[in-house]
């Protein structure tokens, strides 16, 4: 995407029931003027754990609601995007 950007490849193993969350920086950088802090990775992790048993669509909505609640009356200045994947089946070979 950027001419001089460096990227690193990695891999991970998943087992049935594992969930994987991908998000844009707008989620963790969502700012609360009242608290004078960003939402941050710890709050995101806590929100993910709190809602992990919900169906994926409800889990994503709940996390975004947690971000909005944290922000209070503060405005968004960035994008908010979350993609969640759940490993449900094992492909038989």
PDB file of N, CA and C in Angstrom:
ATOM      1  N   UNK A   1       0.815  -1.179   0.000  1.00  0.00           N
ATOM      2  CA  UNK A   1       0.000   0.000   0.000  1.00  0.00           C
ATOM      3  C   UNK A   1       0.867   1.254   0.000  1.00  0.00           C
ATOM      4  N   UNK A   2       1.933   1.258   0.784  1.00  0.00           N
ATOM      5  CA  UNK A   2       2.854   2.374   0.824  1.00  0.00           C
ATOM      6  C   UNK A   2       4.188   1.898   0.286  1.00  0.00           C
ATOM      7  N   UNK A   3       4.833   2.736  -0.509  1.00  0.00           N
ATOM      8  CA  UNK A   3       6.041   2.337  -1.218  1.00  0.00           C
ATOM      9  C   UNK A   3       7.123   1.755  -0.310  1.00  0.00           C
ATOM     10  N   UNK A   4       7.383   2.352   0.818  1.00  0.00           N
ATOM     11  CA  UNK A   4       8.469   1.897   1.680  1.00  0.00           C
ATOM     12  C   UNK A   4       7.987   1.133   2.914  1.00  0.00           C
ATOM     13  N   UNK A   5       6.736   0.759   2.917  1.00  0.00           N
ATOM     14  CA  UNK A   5       6.188   0.035   4.070  1.00  0.00           C
ATOM     15  C   UNK A   5       6.758  -1.373   4.118  1.00  0.00           C
ATOM     16  N   UNK A   6       6.956  -1.845   5.326  1.00  0.00           N
ATOM     17  CA  UNK A   6       7.424  -3.214   5.521  1.00  0.00           C
ATOM     18  C   UNK A   6       6.325  -4.000   6.221  1.00  0.00           C
ATOM     19  N   UNK A   7       6.098  -5.206   5.744  1.00  0.00           N
ATOM     20  CA  UNK A   7       5.053  -6.052   6.293  1.00  0.00           C
ATOM     21  C   UNK A   7       5.659  -7.366   6.739  1.00  0.00           C
ATOM     22  N   UNK A   8       5.032  -7.968   7.714  1.00  0.00           N
ATOM     23  CA  UNK A   8       5.528  -9.221   8.250  1.00  0.00           C
ATOM     24  C   UNK A   8       4.432 -10.276   8.146  1.00  0.00           C
ATOM     25  N   UNK A   9       4.777 -11.439   7.639  1.00  0.00           N
ATOM     26  CA  UNK A   9       3.840 -12.555   7.559  1.00  0.00           C
ATOM     27  C   UNK A   9       3.924 -13.379   8.829  1.00  0.00           C
ATOM     28  N   UNK A  10       2.795 -13.940   9.218  1.00  0.00           N
ATOM     29  CA  UNK A  10       2.787 -14.867  10.338  1.00  0.00           C
ATOM     30  C   UNK A  10       1.618 -15.819  10.150  1.00  0.00           C
ATOM     31  N   UNK A  11       1.600 -16.858  10.932  1.00  0.00           N
ATOM     32  CA  UNK A  11       0.497 -17.803  10.858  1.00  0.00           C
ATOM     33  C   UNK A  11       0.099 -18.205  12.272  1.00  0.00           C
ATOM     34  N   UNK A  12      -1.107 -18.731  12.384  1.00  0.00           N
ATOM     35  CA  UNK A  12      -1.623 -19.167  13.680  1.00  0.00           C
ATOM     36  C   UNK A  12      -2.473 -20.402  13.462  1.00  0.00           C
ATOM     37  N   UNK A  13      -2.538 -21.226  14.460  1.00  0.00           N
ATOM     38  CA  UNK A  13      -3.389 -22.415  14.407  1.00  0.00           C
ATOM     39  C   UNK A  13      -4.680 -22.131  15.164  1.00  0.00           C
ATOM     40  N   UNK A  14      -5.781 -22.616  14.616  1.00  0.00           N
ATOM     41  CA  UNK A  14      -7.076 -22.426  15.249  1.00  0.00           C
ATOM     42  C   UNK A  14      -7.727 -23.776  15.480  1.00  0.00           C
ATOM     43  N   UNK A  15      -8.523 -23.838  16.516  1.00  0.00           N
ATOM     44  CA  UNK A  15      -9.313 -25.029  16.778  1.00  0.00           C
ATOM     45  C   UNK A  15     -10.781 -24.627  16.809  1.00  0.00           C
ATOM     46  N   UNK A  16     -11.654 -25.608  16.688  1.00  0.00           N
ATOM     47  CA  UNK A  16     -13.086 -25.343  16.653  1.00  0.00           C
ATOM     48  C   UNK A  16     -13.500 -24.456  17.832  1.00  0.00           C
ATOM     49  N   UNK A  17     -14.243 -23.406  17.518  1.00  0.00           N
ATOM     50  CA  UNK A  17     -14.734 -22.481  18.542  1.00  0.00           C
ATOM     51  C   UNK A  17     -13.880 -21.238  18.724  1.00  0.00           C
ATOM     52  N   UNK A  18     -12.656 -21.253  18.195  1.00  0.00           N
ATOM     53  CA  UNK A  18     -11.803 -20.064  18.304  1.00  0.00           C
ATOM     54  C   UNK A  18     -12.400 -18.916  17.500  1.00  0.00           C
ATOM     55  N   UNK A  19     -12.199 -17.720  18.008  1.00  0.00           N
ATOM     56  CA  UNK A  19     -12.645 -16.509  17.310  1.00  0.00           C
ATOM     57  C   UNK A  19     -11.460 -15.595  17.084  1.00  0.00           C
ATOM     58  N   UNK A  20     -11.509 -14.917  15.960  1.00  0.00           N
ATOM     59  CA  UNK A  20     -10.434 -14.030  15.560  1.00  0.00           C
ATOM     60  C   UNK A  20     -11.051 -12.682  15.240  1.00  0.00           C
ATOM     61  N   UNK A  21     -10.487 -11.630  15.797  1.00  0.00           N
ATOM     62  CA  UNK A  21     -11.037 -10.284  15.630  1.00  0.00           C
ATOM     63  C   UNK A  21     -10.012  -9.404  14.928  1.00  0.00           C
ATOM     64  N   UNK A  22     -10.437  -8.767  13.853  1.00  0.00           N
ATOM     65  CA  UNK A  22      -9.606  -7.809  13.120  1.00  0.00           C
ATOM     66  C   UNK A  22     -10.330  -6.474  13.194  1.00  0.00           C
ATOM     67  N   UNK A  23      -9.581  -5.408  13.454  1.00  0.00           N
ATOM     68  CA  UNK A  23     -10.217  -4.111  13.639  1.00  0.00           C
ATOM     69  C   UNK A  23      -9.312  -3.001  13.116  1.00  0.00           C
ATOM     70  N   UNK A  24      -9.932  -1.880  12.806  1.00  0.00           N
ATOM     71  CA  UNK A  24      -9.157  -0.718  12.374  1.00  0.00           C
ATOM     72  C   UNK A  24      -8.723   0.081  13.602  1.00  0.00           C
ATOM     73  N   UNK A  25      -7.759   0.935  13.397  1.00  0.00           N
ATOM     74  CA  UNK A  25      -7.240   1.732  14.513  1.00  0.00           C
ATOM     75  C   UNK A  25      -8.280   2.690  15.078  1.00  0.00           C
ATOM     76  N   UNK A  26      -9.339   2.957  14.320  1.00  0.00           N
ATOM     77  CA  UNK A  26     -10.403   3.829  14.819  1.00  0.00           C
ATOM     78  C   UNK A  26     -11.074   3.273  16.066  1.00  0.00           C
ATOM     79  N   UNK A  27     -11.057   1.951  16.211  1.00  0.00           N
ATOM     80  CA  UNK A  27     -11.649   1.324  17.403  1.00  0.00           C
ATOM     81  C   UNK A  27     -10.807   1.643  18.636  1.00  0.00           C
ATOM     82  N   UNK A  28      -9.525   1.340  18.575  1.00  0.00           N
ATOM     83  CA  UNK A  28      -8.682   1.523  19.764  1.00  0.00           C
ATOM     84  C   UNK A  28      -8.306   2.983  19.995  1.00  0.00           C
ATOM     85  N   UNK A  29      -8.405   3.800  18.952  1.00  0.00           N
ATOM     86  CA  UNK A  29      -8.082   5.218  19.102  1.00  0.00           C
ATOM     87  C   UNK A  29      -9.310   6.082  19.358  1.00  0.00           C
ATOM     88  N   UNK A  30     -10.488   5.463  19.489  1.00  0.00           N
ATOM     89  CA  UNK A  30     -11.703   6.216  19.822  1.00  0.00           C
ATOM     90  C   UNK A  30     -11.445   6.937  21.146  1.00  0.00           C
ATOM     91  N   UNK A  31     -11.720   8.225  21.161  1.00  0.00           N
ATOM     92  CA  UNK A  31     -11.307   9.074  22.279  1.00  0.00           C
ATOM     93  C   UNK A  31     -12.496   9.538  23.108  1.00  0.00           C
ATOM     94  N   UNK A  32     -12.322   9.507  24.417  1.00  0.00           N
ATOM     95  CA  UNK A  32     -13.323  10.052  25.340  1.00  0.00           C
ATOM     96  C   UNK A  32     -12.784  11.357  25.904  1.00  0.00           C
ATOM     97  N   UNK A  33     -13.454  12.439  25.585  1.00  0.00           N
ATOM     98  CA  UNK A  33     -13.035  13.738  26.133  1.00  0.00           C
ATOM     99  C   UNK A  33     -13.254  13.783  27.634  1.00  0.00           C
ATOM    100  N   UNK A  34     -14.261  13.065  28.121  1.00  0.00           N
ATOM    101  CA  UNK A  34     -14.565  13.039  29.552  1.00  0.00           C
ATOM    102  C   UNK A  34     -13.437  12.363  30.343  1.00  0.00           C
ATOM    103  N   UNK A  35     -12.951  11.237  29.848  1.00  0.00           N
ATOM    104  CA  UNK A  35     -11.904  10.478  30.527  1.00  0.00           C
ATOM    105  C   UNK A  35     -10.508  10.934  30.076  1.00  0.00           C
ATOM    106  N   UNK A  36     -10.465  11.588  28.922  1.00  0.00           N
ATOM    107  CA  UNK A  36      -9.218  12.032  28.285  1.00  0.00           C
ATOM    108  C   UNK A  36      -8.289  10.856  27.999  1.00  0.00           C
ATOM    109  N   UNK A  37      -8.891   9.803  27.434  1.00  0.00           N
ATOM    110  CA  UNK A  37      -8.154   8.610  27.059  1.00  0.00           C
ATOM    111  C   UNK A  37      -8.740   8.022  25.788  1.00  0.00           C
ATOM    112  N   UNK A  38      -7.926   7.207  25.125  1.00  0.00           N
ATOM    113  CA  UNK A  38      -8.415   6.414  24.015  1.00  0.00           C
ATOM    114  C   UNK A  38      -9.010   5.119  24.549  1.00  0.00           C
ATOM    115  N   UNK A  39      -9.864   4.500  23.740  1.00  0.00           N
ATOM    116  CA  UNK A  39     -10.470   3.229  24.132  1.00  0.00           C
ATOM    117  C   UNK A  39      -9.382   2.199  24.413  1.00  0.00           C
ATOM    118  N   UNK A  40      -8.427   2.074  23.516  1.00  0.00           N
ATOM    119  CA  UNK A  40      -7.246   1.248  23.743  1.00  0.00           C
ATOM    120  C   UNK A  40      -7.456  -0.247  23.570  1.00  0.00           C
ATOM    121  N   UNK A  41      -6.343  -0.940  23.496  1.00  0.00           N
ATOM    122  CA  UNK A  41      -6.365  -2.384  23.280  1.00  0.00           C
ATOM    123  C   UNK A  41      -6.900  -3.145  24.493  1.00  0.00           C
ATOM    124  N   UNK A  42      -6.595  -2.701  25.694  1.00  0.00           N
ATOM    125  CA  UNK A  42      -7.072  -3.401  26.886  1.00  0.00           C
ATOM    126  C   UNK A  42      -8.599  -3.365  26.970  1.00  0.00           C
ATOM    127  N   UNK A  43      -9.196  -2.195  26.733  1.00  0.00           N
ATOM    128  CA  UNK A  43     -10.665  -2.108  26.772  1.00  0.00           C
ATOM    129  C   UNK A  43     -11.279  -2.957  25.663  1.00  0.00           C
ATOM    130  N   UNK A  44     -10.640  -2.961  24.490  1.00  0.00           N
ATOM    131  CA  UNK A  44     -11.143  -3.784  23.401  1.00  0.00           C
ATOM    132  C   UNK A  44     -11.067  -5.263  23.793  1.00  0.00           C
ATOM    133  N   UNK A  45      -9.960  -5.672  24.340  1.00  0.00           N
ATOM    134  CA  UNK A  45      -9.799  -7.063  24.769  1.00  0.00           C
ATOM    135  C   UNK A  45     -10.849  -7.430  25.826  1.00  0.00           C
ATOM    136  N   UNK A  46     -11.055  -6.544  26.781  1.00  0.00           N
ATOM    137  CA  UNK A  46     -12.060  -6.789  27.827  1.00  0.00           C
ATOM    138  C   UNK A  46     -13.464  -6.883  27.230  1.00  0.00           C
ATOM    139  N   UNK A  47     -13.775  -6.015  26.281  1.00  0.00           N
ATOM    140  CA  UNK A  47     -15.084  -6.029  25.628  1.00  0.00           C
ATOM    141  C   UNK A  47     -15.262  -7.317  24.826  1.00  0.00           C
ATOM    142  N   UNK A  48     -14.220  -7.728  24.124  1.00  0.00           N
ATOM    143  CA  UNK A  48     -14.239  -8.971  23.355  1.00  0.00           C
ATOM    144  C   UNK A  48     -14.530 -10.155  24.279  1.00  0.00           C
ATOM    145  N   UNK A  49     -13.836 -10.229  25.407  1.00  0.00           N
ATOM    146  CA  UNK A  49     -14.037 -11.316  26.358  1.00  0.00           C
ATOM    147  C   UNK A  49     -15.450 -11.281  26.954  1.00  0.00           C
ATOM    148  N   UNK A  50     -15.946 -10.064  27.218  1.00  0.00           N
ATOM    149  CA  UNK A  50     -17.270  -9.916  27.817  1.00  0.00           C
ATOM    150  C   UNK A  50     -18.377 -10.424  26.885  1.00  0.00           C
ATOM    151  N   UNK A  51     -18.192 -10.252  25.593  1.00  0.00           N
ATOM    152  CA  UNK A  51     -19.239 -10.573  24.618  1.00  0.00           C
ATOM    153  C   UNK A  51     -18.939 -11.812  23.778  1.00  0.00           C
ATOM    154  N   UNK A  52     -17.899 -12.545  24.119  1.00  0.00           N
ATOM    155  CA  UNK A  52     -17.424 -13.635  23.253  1.00  0.00           C
ATOM    156  C   UNK A  52     -18.433 -14.762  23.041  1.00  0.00           C
ATOM    157  N   UNK A  53     -19.343 -14.970  23.964  1.00  0.00           N
ATOM    158  CA  UNK A  53     -20.317 -16.061  23.843  1.00  0.00           C
ATOM    159  C   UNK A  53     -21.502 -15.705  22.945  1.00  0.00           C
ATOM    160  N   UNK A  54     -21.621 -14.461  22.551  1.00  0.00           N
ATOM    161  CA  UNK A  54     -22.743 -14.040  21.699  1.00  0.00           C
ATOM    162  C   UNK A  54     -22.479 -14.449  20.246  1.00  0.00           C
ATOM    163  N   UNK A  55     -23.531 -14.567  19.439  1.00  0.00           N
ATOM    164  CA  UNK A  55     -23.321 -14.769  18.001  1.00  0.00           C
ATOM    165  C   UNK A  55     -22.464 -13.628  17.448  1.00  0.00           C
ATOM    166  N   UNK A  56     -21.697 -13.905  16.391  1.00  0.00           N
ATOM    167  CA  UNK A  56     -20.726 -12.926  15.886  1.00  0.00           C
ATOM    168  C   UNK A  56     -21.323 -11.551  15.622  1.00  0.00           C
ATOM    169  N   UNK A  57     -22.476 -11.495  14.960  1.00  0.00           N
ATOM    170  CA  UNK A  57     -23.050 -10.185  14.642  1.00  0.00           C
ATOM    171  C   UNK A  57     -23.400  -9.413  15.911  1.00  0.00           C
ATOM    172  N   UNK A  58     -23.940 -10.106  16.917  1.00  0.00           N
ATOM    173  CA  UNK A  58     -24.269  -9.449  18.185  1.00  0.00           C
ATOM    174  C   UNK A  58     -22.999  -9.057  18.942  1.00  0.00           C
ATOM    175  N   UNK A  59     -21.975  -9.899  18.853  1.00  0.00           N
ATOM    176  CA  UNK A  59     -20.721  -9.591  19.516  1.00  0.00           C
ATOM    177  C   UNK A  59     -20.117  -8.296  18.950  1.00  0.00           C
ATOM    178  N   UNK A  60     -20.103  -8.181  17.632  1.00  0.00           N
ATOM    179  CA  UNK A  60     -19.557  -6.982  16.993  1.00  0.00           C
ATOM    180  C   UNK A  60     -20.363  -5.748  17.394  1.00  0.00           C
ATOM    181  N   UNK A  61     -21.690  -5.848  17.329  1.00  0.00           N
ATOM    182  CA  UNK A  61     -22.543  -4.716  17.731  1.00  0.00           C
ATOM    183  C   UNK A  61     -22.292  -4.326  19.183  1.00  0.00           C
ATOM    184  N   UNK A  62     -22.130  -5.309  20.044  1.00  0.00           N
ATOM    185  CA  UNK A  62     -21.901  -5.045  21.472  1.00  0.00           C
ATOM    186  C   UNK A  62     -20.562  -4.356  21.698  1.00  0.00           C
ATOM    187  N   UNK A  63     -19.534  -4.778  20.977  1.00  0.00           N
ATOM    188  CA  UNK A  63     -18.219  -4.134  21.105  1.00  0.00           C
ATOM    189  C   UNK A  63     -18.309  -2.688  20.641  1.00  0.00           C
ATOM    190  N   UNK A  64     -18.951  -2.454  19.499  1.00  0.00           N
ATOM    191  CA  UNK A  64     -19.097  -1.082  18.996  1.00  0.00           C
ATOM    192  C   UNK A  64     -19.912  -0.246  19.978  1.00  0.00           C
ATOM    193  N   UNK A  65     -20.944  -0.832  20.576  1.00  0.00           N
ATOM    194  CA  UNK A  65     -21.714  -0.106  21.593  1.00  0.00           C
ATOM    195  C   UNK A  65     -20.847   0.240  22.799  1.00  0.00           C
ATOM    196  N   UNK A  66     -19.947  -0.666  23.196  1.00  0.00           N
ATOM    197  CA  UNK A  66     -19.029  -0.369  24.299  1.00  0.00           C
ATOM    198  C   UNK A  66     -18.123   0.809  23.950  1.00  0.00           C
ATOM    199  N   UNK A  67     -17.661   0.853  22.699  1.00  0.00           N
ATOM    200  CA  UNK A  67     -16.815   1.972  22.245  1.00  0.00           C
ATOM    201  C   UNK A  67     -17.609   3.272  22.312  1.00  0.00           C
ATOM    202  N   UNK A  68     -18.830   3.257  21.789  1.00  0.00           N
ATOM    203  CA  UNK A  68     -19.677   4.457  21.790  1.00  0.00           C
ATOM    204  C   UNK A  68     -20.004   4.911  23.212  1.00  0.00           C
ATOM    205  N   UNK A  69     -20.305   3.951  24.083  1.00  0.00           N
ATOM    206  CA  UNK A  69     -20.599   4.283  25.475  1.00  0.00           C
ATOM    207  C   UNK A  69     -19.381   4.931  26.138  1.00  0.00           C
ATOM    208  N   UNK A  70     -18.204   4.378  25.889  1.00  0.00           N
ATOM    209  CA  UNK A  70     -16.965   4.924  26.429  1.00  0.00           C
ATOM    210  C   UNK A  70     -16.754   6.362  25.950  1.00  0.00           C
ATOM    211  N   UNK A  71     -17.050   6.605  24.678  1.00  0.00           N
ATOM    212  CA  UNK A  71     -16.826   7.924  24.098  1.00  0.00           C
ATOM    213  C   UNK A  71     -17.802   8.970  24.624  1.00  0.00           C
ATOM    214  N   UNK A  72     -18.965   8.546  25.071  1.00  0.00           N
ATOM    215  CA  UNK A  72     -19.958   9.499  25.548  1.00  0.00           C
ATOM    216  C   UNK A  72     -20.377  10.452  24.451  1.00  0.00           C
ATOM    217  N   UNK A  73     -20.226  11.734  24.693  1.00  0.00           N
ATOM    218  CA  UNK A  73     -20.634  12.750  23.723  1.00  0.00           C
ATOM    219  C   UNK A  73     -19.503  13.140  22.770  1.00  0.00           C
ATOM    220  N   UNK A  74     -18.344  12.502  22.902  1.00  0.00           N
ATOM    221  CA  UNK A  74     -17.224  12.776  22.005  1.00  0.00           C
ATOM    222  C   UNK A  74     -17.567  12.327  20.592  1.00  0.00           C
ATOM    223  N   UNK A  75     -16.917  12.930  19.606  1.00  0.00           N
ATOM    224  CA  UNK A  75     -17.180  12.612  18.206  1.00  0.00           C
ATOM    225  C   UNK A  75     -16.130  11.653  17.659  1.00  0.00           C
ATOM    226  N   UNK A  76     -16.577  10.843  16.677  1.00  0.00           N
ATOM    227  CA  UNK A  76     -15.653   9.972  15.963  1.00  0.00           C
ATOM    228  C   UNK A  76     -14.870  10.802  14.960  1.00  0.00           C
ATOM    229  N   UNK A  77     -13.578  10.561  14.889  1.00  0.00           N
ATOM    230  CA  UNK A  77     -12.754  11.251  13.905  1.00  0.00           C
ATOM    231  C   UNK A  77     -12.090  10.268  12.952  1.00  0.00           C
ATOM    232  N   UNK A  78     -12.426   9.006  13.075  1.00  0.00           N
ATOM    233  CA  UNK A  78     -11.776   7.974  12.281  1.00  0.00           C
ATOM    234  C   UNK A  78     -12.831   6.942  11.887  1.00  0.00           C
ATOM    235  N   UNK A  79     -12.418   5.946  11.134  1.00  0.00           N
ATOM    236  CA  UNK A  79     -13.327   4.872  10.764  1.00  0.00           C
ATOM    237  C   UNK A  79     -13.456   3.871  11.913  1.00  0.00           C
ATOM    238  N   UNK A  80     -14.551   3.150  11.920  1.00  0.00           N
ATOM    239  CA  UNK A  80     -14.749   2.059  12.870  1.00  0.00           C
ATOM    240  C   UNK A  80     -15.089   0.822  12.055  1.00  0.00           C
ATOM    241  N   UNK A  81     -14.219  -0.157  12.086  1.00  0.00           N
ATOM    242  CA  UNK A  81     -14.498  -1.397  11.363  1.00  0.00           C
ATOM    243  C   UNK A  81     -13.987  -2.572  12.172  1.00  0.00           C
ATOM    244  N   UNK A  82     -14.819  -3.600  12.251  1.00  0.00           N
ATOM    245  CA  UNK A  82     -14.462  -4.839  12.931  1.00  0.00           C
ATOM    246  C   UNK A  82     -14.890  -5.997  12.035  1.00  0.00           C
ATOM    247  N   UNK A  83     -14.012  -6.958  11.894  1.00  0.00           N
ATOM    248  CA  UNK A  83     -14.339  -8.206  11.220  1.00  0.00           C
ATOM    249  C   UNK A  83     -14.055  -9.315  12.225  1.00  0.00           C
ATOM    250  N   UNK A  84     -15.034 -10.181  12.425  1.00  0.00           N
ATOM    251  CA  UNK A  84     -14.863 -11.297  13.349  1.00  0.00           C
ATOM    252  C   UNK A  84     -15.074 -12.602  12.590  1.00  0.00           C
ATOM    253  N   UNK A  85     -14.220 -13.565  12.874  1.00  0.00           N
ATOM    254  CA  UNK A  85     -14.288 -14.873  12.237  1.00  0.00           C
ATOM    255  C   UNK A  85     -14.305 -15.925  13.332  1.00  0.00           C
ATOM    256  N   UNK A  86     -15.152 -16.926  13.153  1.00  0.00           N
ATOM    257  CA  UNK A  86     -15.188 -18.043  14.095  1.00  0.00           C
ATOM    258  C   UNK A  86     -14.877 -19.326  13.348  1.00  0.00           C
ATOM    259  N   UNK A  87     -13.929 -20.081  13.872  1.00  0.00           N
ATOM    260  CA  UNK A  87     -13.572 -21.370  13.300  1.00  0.00           C
ATOM    261  C   UNK A  87     -14.596 -22.389  13.794  1.00  0.00           C
ATOM    262  N   UNK A  88     -15.424 -22.896  12.861  1.00  0.00           N
ATOM    263  CA  UNK A  88     -16.521 -23.769  13.277  1.00  0.00           C
ATOM    264  C   UNK A  88     -16.365 -25.205  12.834  1.00  0.00           C
ATOM    265  N   UNK A  89     -15.733 -25.434  11.693  1.00  0.00           N
ATOM    266  CA  UNK A  89     -15.672 -26.780  11.151  1.00  0.00           C
ATOM    267  C   UNK A  89     -14.255 -27.149  10.767  1.00  0.00           C
ATOM    268  N   UNK A  90     -14.002 -28.397  10.838  1.00  0.00           N
ATOM    269  CA  UNK A  90     -12.709 -28.914  10.398  1.00  0.00           C
ATOM    270  C   UNK A  90     -12.918 -29.560   9.034  1.00  0.00           C
ATOM    271  N   UNK A  91     -12.110 -29.158   8.083  1.00  0.00           N
ATOM    272  CA  UNK A  91     -12.203 -29.740   6.746  1.00  0.00           C
ATOM    273  C   UNK A  91     -11.527 -31.103   6.782  1.00  0.00           C
ATOM    274  N   UNK A  92     -12.263 -32.115   6.364  1.00  0.00           N
ATOM    275  CA  UNK A  92     -11.714 -33.476   6.342  1.00  0.00           C
ATOM    276  C   UNK A  92     -10.998 -33.709   5.028  1.00  0.00           C
ATOM    277  N   UNK A  93      -9.832 -34.315   5.119  1.00  0.00           N
ATOM    278  CA  UNK A  93      -9.082 -34.596   3.889  1.00  0.00           C
ATOM    279  C   UNK A  93      -9.075 -36.055   3.556  1.00  0.00           C
TER     280      UNK A  93
END
